[in-house]
Amino acid sequence: MRPSAPRHRNVSAAHLRAAATIRATPKGMDGETRSALDEALEDAYRLRANHRAVLQHFGSIAPFVNLAVAESRHIEALSRVYRRHGLVTPPDPWSGLVPPPPTLEASYRRGLERERDREVMYERLLPSVTDPQVRAVMNLICQASRDRHQPAFQRFLQRRPPSRPRVRSGAYSTVS
């Protein structure tokens, strides 16, 4: 019996890649699904711009470093859906346009609020999405927001008074 290789991969990234590789239906994409996909992509662009603004203003702090990387993965998963359908991925309209909040605590509050808004957005959009590929990717992003991103912000907000979180260094210290 062969020993199994250790698993050191990000499960959510693997799930997003798998969901984005589901075959597109030959009929194409209906208007409501396309509109939902566009809104989901713009939301991911906006959240990434928010996290990058915080990182540029306050430095490489948790959880913004990891969440900026996660948003880039969400954008890539949604972009794969566009490509599978022969569509051009809309450009990022938010890059560099989101000002940072004045304080770290305000950054955490805004991050949590936007992740909660995202969950509400997906609850509104998903019933109208008919394409299984788009639905799968959106479900995974919504789940990541609810189960990972929101709790990350909540942990930092539960610290009273808000302390300076640890500064990240290494591979994830520079987010592009």
C-alpha atoms as a PDB file:
ATOM      1  CA  MET A   1       0.000   0.000   0.000  1.00  0.00           C
ATOM      2  CA  ARG A   2       1.357   3.365  -1.031  1.00  0.00           C
ATOM      3  CA  PRO A   3       1.493   6.095   1.626  1.00  0.00           C
ATOM      4  CA  SER A   4      -0.737   9.009   0.833  1.00  0.00           C
ATOM      5  CA  ALA A   5       0.819  12.365   0.143  1.00  0.00           C
ATOM      6  CA  PRO A   6       0.221  15.085   2.711  1.00  0.00           C
ATOM      7  CA  ARG A   7      -2.439  17.589   1.765  1.00  0.00           C
ATOM      8  CA  HIS A   8      -1.286  21.172   2.023  1.00  0.00           C
ATOM      9  CA  ARG A   9      -3.735  22.838  -0.312  1.00  0.00           C
ATOM     10  CA  ASN A  10      -6.373  25.419   0.311  1.00  0.00           C
ATOM     11  CA  VAL A  11      -9.651  23.543   0.154  1.00  0.00           C
ATOM     12  CA  SER A  12     -11.728  26.601  -0.664  1.00  0.00           C
ATOM     13  CA  ALA A  13      -9.463  27.483  -3.595  1.00  0.00           C
ATOM     14  CA  ALA A  14      -9.704  23.909  -4.851  1.00  0.00           C
ATOM     15  CA  HIS A  15     -13.484  24.008  -4.555  1.00  0.00           C
ATOM     16  CA  LEU A  16     -13.634  27.285  -6.461  1.00  0.00           C
ATOM     17  CA  ARG A  17     -11.445  25.861  -9.238  1.00  0.00           C
ATOM     18  CA  ALA A  18     -13.610  22.748  -9.465  1.00  0.00           C
ATOM     19  CA  ALA A  19     -16.842  24.739  -9.537  1.00  0.00           C
ATOM     20  CA  ALA A  20     -15.513  27.002 -12.271  1.00  0.00           C
ATOM     21  CA  THR A  21     -14.603  24.052 -14.504  1.00  0.00           C
ATOM     22  CA  ILE A  22     -18.126  22.619 -14.757  1.00  0.00           C
ATOM     23  CA  ARG A  23     -19.063  22.540 -18.436  1.00  0.00           C
ATOM     24  CA  ALA A  24     -21.074  25.495 -19.670  1.00  0.00           C
ATOM     25  CA  THR A  25     -24.435  24.734 -21.197  1.00  0.00           C
ATOM     26  CA  PRO A  26     -24.438  25.007 -25.003  1.00  0.00           C
ATOM     27  CA  LYS A  27     -27.395  27.412 -24.885  1.00  0.00           C
ATOM     28  CA  GLY A  28     -25.282  30.110 -23.289  1.00  0.00           C
ATOM     29  CA  MET A  29     -26.256  32.243 -20.352  1.00  0.00           C
ATOM     30  CA  ASP A  30     -29.615  33.888 -19.731  1.00  0.00           C
ATOM     31  CA  GLY A  31     -29.823  37.589 -18.921  1.00  0.00           C
ATOM     32  CA  GLU A  32     -30.623  37.209 -15.219  1.00  0.00           C
ATOM     33  CA  THR A  33     -27.705  34.837 -14.690  1.00  0.00           C
ATOM     34  CA  ARG A  34     -25.371  37.184 -16.582  1.00  0.00           C
ATOM     35  CA  SER A  35     -26.557  40.125 -14.494  1.00  0.00           C
ATOM     36  CA  ALA A  36     -25.985  38.143 -11.284  1.00  0.00           C
ATOM     37  CA  LEU A  37     -22.512  37.129 -12.459  1.00  0.00           C
ATOM     38  CA  ASP A  38     -21.652  40.760 -13.250  1.00  0.00           C
ATOM     39  CA  GLU A  39     -22.847  41.895  -9.813  1.00  0.00           C
ATOM     40  CA  ALA A  40     -20.893  39.139  -8.057  1.00  0.00           C
ATOM     41  CA  LEU A  41     -17.700  40.063  -9.905  1.00  0.00           C
ATOM     42  CA  GLU A  42     -18.087  43.758  -9.137  1.00  0.00           C
ATOM     43  CA  ASP A  43     -18.627  42.894  -5.461  1.00  0.00           C
ATOM     44  CA  ALA A  44     -15.407  40.859  -5.415  1.00  0.00           C
ATOM     45  CA  TYR A  45     -13.513  43.708  -7.092  1.00  0.00           C
ATOM     46  CA  ARG A  46     -14.894  46.178  -4.515  1.00  0.00           C
ATOM     47  CA  LEU A  47     -13.980  43.991  -1.540  1.00  0.00           C
ATOM     48  CA  ARG A  48     -10.476  43.405  -2.868  1.00  0.00           C
ATOM     49  CA  ALA A  49     -10.031  47.163  -3.374  1.00  0.00           C
ATOM     50  CA  ASN A  50     -11.199  47.730   0.209  1.00  0.00           C
ATOM     51  CA  HIS A  51      -8.720  45.204   1.605  1.00  0.00           C
ATOM     52  CA  ARG A  52      -5.884  46.628  -0.492  1.00  0.00           C
ATOM     53  CA  ALA A  53      -6.669  50.165   0.688  1.00  0.00           C
ATOM     54  CA  VAL A  54      -6.455  49.009   4.312  1.00  0.00           C
ATOM     55  CA  LEU A  55      -3.162  47.232   3.604  1.00  0.00           C
ATOM     56  CA  GLN A  56      -1.680  50.289   1.899  1.00  0.00           C
ATOM     57  CA  HIS A  57      -2.746  52.587   4.735  1.00  0.00           C
ATOM     58  CA  PHE A  58      -2.061  50.419   7.807  1.00  0.00           C
ATOM     59  CA  GLY A  59       0.494  47.913   6.517  1.00  0.00           C
ATOM     60  CA  SER A  60       0.285  44.149   6.150  1.00  0.00           C
ATOM     61  CA  ILE A  61      -2.149  43.248   8.898  1.00  0.00           C
ATOM     62  CA  ALA A  62      -4.372  40.266   9.502  1.00  0.00           C
ATOM     63  CA  PRO A  63      -6.957  39.383   8.315  1.00  0.00           C
ATOM     64  CA  PHE A  64      -6.726  41.809   5.385  1.00  0.00           C
ATOM     65  CA  VAL A  65      -3.677  40.128   3.839  1.00  0.00           C
ATOM     66  CA  ASN A  66      -5.390  36.744   3.580  1.00  0.00           C
ATOM     67  CA  LEU A  67      -8.731  38.223   2.555  1.00  0.00           C
ATOM     68  CA  ALA A  68      -7.212  40.267  -0.278  1.00  0.00           C
ATOM     69  CA  VAL A  69      -5.699  37.029  -1.586  1.00  0.00           C
ATOM     70  CA  ALA A  70      -9.056  35.260  -1.138  1.00  0.00           C
ATOM     71  CA  GLU A  71     -10.839  37.987  -3.121  1.00  0.00           C
ATOM     72  CA  SER A  72      -8.333  37.537  -5.943  1.00  0.00           C
ATOM     73  CA  ARG A  73      -9.194  33.817  -5.946  1.00  0.00           C
ATOM     74  CA  HIS A  74     -12.915  34.656  -6.061  1.00  0.00           C
ATOM     75  CA  ILE A  75     -12.296  37.013  -8.992  1.00  0.00           C
ATOM     76  CA  GLU A  76     -10.334  34.324 -10.826  1.00  0.00           C
ATOM     77  CA  ALA A  77     -13.101  31.746 -10.262  1.00  0.00           C
ATOM     78  CA  LEU A  78     -15.728  34.154 -11.589  1.00  0.00           C
ATOM     79  CA  SER A  79     -13.445  35.076 -14.516  1.00  0.00           C
ATOM     80  CA  ARG A  80     -13.182  31.395 -15.462  1.00  0.00           C
ATOM     81  CA  VAL A  81     -16.984  31.294 -15.687  1.00  0.00           C
ATOM     82  CA  TYR A  82     -16.913  34.223 -18.132  1.00  0.00           C
ATOM     83  CA  ARG A  83     -14.246  32.504 -20.246  1.00  0.00           C
ATOM     84  CA  ARG A  84     -16.113  29.169 -20.277  1.00  0.00           C
ATOM     85  CA  HIS A  85     -19.104  30.999 -21.727  1.00  0.00           C
ATOM     86  CA  GLY A  86     -16.984  32.835 -24.293  1.00  0.00           C
ATOM     87  CA  LEU A  87     -17.528  36.157 -22.515  1.00  0.00           C
ATOM     88  CA  VAL A  88     -15.034  38.896 -21.783  1.00  0.00           C
ATOM     89  CA  THR A  89     -14.452  39.461 -18.081  1.00  0.00           C
ATOM     90  CA  PRO A  90     -15.335  43.066 -17.192  1.00  0.00           C
ATOM     91  CA  PRO A  91     -12.354  45.117 -15.973  1.00  0.00           C
ATOM     92  CA  ASP A  92     -11.914  46.087 -12.330  1.00  0.00           C
ATOM     93  CA  PRO A  93     -13.686  49.446 -11.834  1.00  0.00           C
ATOM     94  CA  TRP A  94     -12.675  49.688  -8.139  1.00  0.00           C
ATOM     95  CA  SER A  95      -8.880  49.398  -8.246  1.00  0.00           C
ATOM     96  CA  GLY A  96      -7.375  52.250  -6.249  1.00  0.00           C
ATOM     97  CA  LEU A  97     -10.715  54.027  -5.754  1.00  0.00           C
ATOM     98  CA  VAL A  98     -11.664  52.876  -2.244  1.00  0.00           C
ATOM     99  CA  PRO A  99     -10.322  55.128   0.511  1.00  0.00           C
ATOM    100  CA  PRO A 100      -9.192  53.425   3.710  1.00  0.00           C
ATOM    101  CA  PRO A 101     -11.226  53.901   6.877  1.00  0.00           C
ATOM    102  CA  PRO A 102      -9.687  56.299   9.410  1.00  0.00           C
ATOM    103  CA  THR A 103      -8.924  53.625  12.040  1.00  0.00           C
ATOM    104  CA  LEU A 104      -8.209  49.925  12.254  1.00  0.00           C
ATOM    105  CA  GLU A 105     -11.423  49.346  14.177  1.00  0.00           C
ATOM    106  CA  ALA A 106     -13.378  51.125  11.430  1.00  0.00           C
ATOM    107  CA  SER A 107     -11.571  48.920   8.892  1.00  0.00           C
ATOM    108  CA  TYR A 108     -12.727  45.770  10.688  1.00  0.00           C
ATOM    109  CA  ARG A 109     -16.277  47.078  11.037  1.00  0.00           C
ATOM    110  CA  ARG A 110     -16.471  48.040   7.367  1.00  0.00           C
ATOM    111  CA  GLY A 111     -15.016  44.674   6.349  1.00  0.00           C
ATOM    112  CA  LEU A 112     -17.579  42.784   8.433  1.00  0.00           C
ATOM    113  CA  GLU A 113     -20.433  44.949   7.131  1.00  0.00           C
ATOM    114  CA  ARG A 114     -19.418  44.369   3.517  1.00  0.00           C
ATOM    115  CA  GLU A 115     -19.112  40.610   4.048  1.00  0.00           C
ATOM    116  CA  ARG A 116     -22.613  40.583   5.562  1.00  0.00           C
ATOM    117  CA  ASP A 117     -23.864  42.635   2.620  1.00  0.00           C
ATOM    118  CA  ARG A 118     -22.287  40.057   0.326  1.00  0.00           C
ATOM    119  CA  GLU A 119     -24.190  37.220   1.981  1.00  0.00           C
ATOM    120  CA  VAL A 120     -27.466  39.148   1.557  1.00  0.00           C
ATOM    121  CA  MET A 121     -26.575  39.878  -2.072  1.00  0.00           C
ATOM    122  CA  TYR A 122     -26.049  36.184  -2.826  1.00  0.00           C
ATOM    123  CA  GLU A 123     -29.292  35.240  -1.063  1.00  0.00           C
ATOM    124  CA  ARG A 124     -31.019  37.695  -3.412  1.00  0.00           C
ATOM    125  CA  LEU A 125     -29.153  36.650  -6.577  1.00  0.00           C
ATOM    126  CA  LEU A 126     -28.997  32.865  -6.313  1.00  0.00           C
ATOM    127  CA  PRO A 127     -32.713  32.126  -6.863  1.00  0.00           C
ATOM    128  CA  SER A 128     -32.511  33.727 -10.331  1.00  0.00           C
ATOM    129  CA  VAL A 129     -29.304  31.939 -11.393  1.00  0.00           C
ATOM    130  CA  THR A 130     -30.104  29.073 -13.750  1.00  0.00           C
ATOM    131  CA  ASP A 131     -26.582  28.077 -14.812  1.00  0.00           C
ATOM    132  CA  PRO A 132     -25.171  25.334 -12.530  1.00  0.00           C
ATOM    133  CA  GLN A 133     -21.590  26.573 -12.961  1.00  0.00           C
ATOM    134  CA  VAL A 134     -22.436  30.114 -11.909  1.00  0.00           C
ATOM    135  CA  ARG A 135     -24.569  28.804  -9.039  1.00  0.00           C
ATOM    136  CA  ALA A 136     -21.742  26.555  -7.777  1.00  0.00           C
ATOM    137  CA  VAL A 137     -19.151  29.343  -7.790  1.00  0.00           C
ATOM    138  CA  MET A 138     -21.534  31.803  -6.128  1.00  0.00           C
ATOM    139  CA  ASN A 139     -22.488  29.283  -3.447  1.00  0.00           C
ATOM    140  CA  LEU A 140     -18.836  28.684  -2.620  1.00  0.00           C
ATOM    141  CA  ILE A 141     -18.035  32.403  -2.422  1.00  0.00           C
ATOM    142  CA  CYS A 142     -21.084  32.993  -0.218  1.00  0.00           C
ATOM    143  CA  GLN A 143     -20.056  30.098   2.011  1.00  0.00           C
ATOM    144  CA  ALA A 144     -16.493  31.455   2.306  1.00  0.00           C
ATOM    145  CA  SER A 145     -17.877  34.864   3.253  1.00  0.00           C
ATOM    146  CA  ARG A 146     -20.193  33.436   5.903  1.00  0.00           C
ATOM    147  CA  ASP A 147     -17.915  30.747   7.322  1.00  0.00           C
ATOM    148  CA  ARG A 148     -14.458  32.307   7.006  1.00  0.00           C
ATOM    149  CA  HIS A 149     -14.413  36.017   6.215  1.00  0.00           C
ATOM    150  CA  GLN A 150     -17.095  37.212   8.644  1.00  0.00           C
ATOM    151  CA  PRO A 151     -15.677  35.208  11.584  1.00  0.00           C
ATOM    152  CA  ALA A 152     -12.198  36.609  10.861  1.00  0.00           C
ATOM    153  CA  PHE A 153     -13.492  40.165  11.247  1.00  0.00           C
ATOM    154  CA  GLN A 154     -15.595  39.250  14.274  1.00  0.00           C
ATOM    155  CA  ARG A 155     -12.540  37.835  16.072  1.00  0.00           C
ATOM    156  CA  PHE A 156     -10.674  41.109  15.659  1.00  0.00           C
ATOM    157  CA  LEU A 157     -13.681  43.205  16.713  1.00  0.00           C
ATOM    158  CA  GLN A 158     -14.154  41.146  19.883  1.00  0.00           C
ATOM    159  CA  ARG A 159     -10.795  42.350  21.151  1.00  0.00           C
ATOM    160  CA  ARG A 160     -11.411  45.301  23.485  1.00  0.00           C
ATOM    161  CA  PRO A 161      -9.740  47.714  23.057  1.00  0.00           C
ATOM    162  CA  PRO A 162      -8.735  46.915  19.484  1.00  0.00           C
ATOM    163  CA  SER A 163      -5.041  46.198  19.537  1.00  0.00           C
ATOM    164  CA  ARG A 164      -2.643  46.433  16.660  1.00  0.00           C
ATOM    165  CA  PRO A 165      -2.846  43.008  15.006  1.00  0.00           C
ATOM    166  CA  ARG A 166       0.288  41.162  14.125  1.00  0.00           C
ATOM    167  CA  VAL A 167       2.086  42.325  11.043  1.00  0.00           C
ATOM    168  CA  ARG A 168       2.452  39.664   8.399  1.00  0.00           C
ATOM    169  CA  SER A 169       5.709  39.064   6.646  1.00  0.00           C
ATOM    170  CA  GLY A 170       6.831  36.671   3.982  1.00  0.00           C
ATOM    171  CA  ALA A 171       5.030  35.454   0.901  1.00  0.00           C
ATOM    172  CA  TYR A 172       1.716  37.104   1.734  1.00  0.00           C
ATOM    173  CA  SER A 173       3.055  40.420   2.963  1.00  0.00           C
ATOM    174  CA  THR A 174       2.806  41.987  -0.488  1.00  0.00           C
ATOM    175  CA  VAL A 175      -0.632  41.759  -2.054  1.00  0.00           C
ATOM    176  CA  SER A 176      -0.932  42.714  -5.687  1.00  0.00           C
END
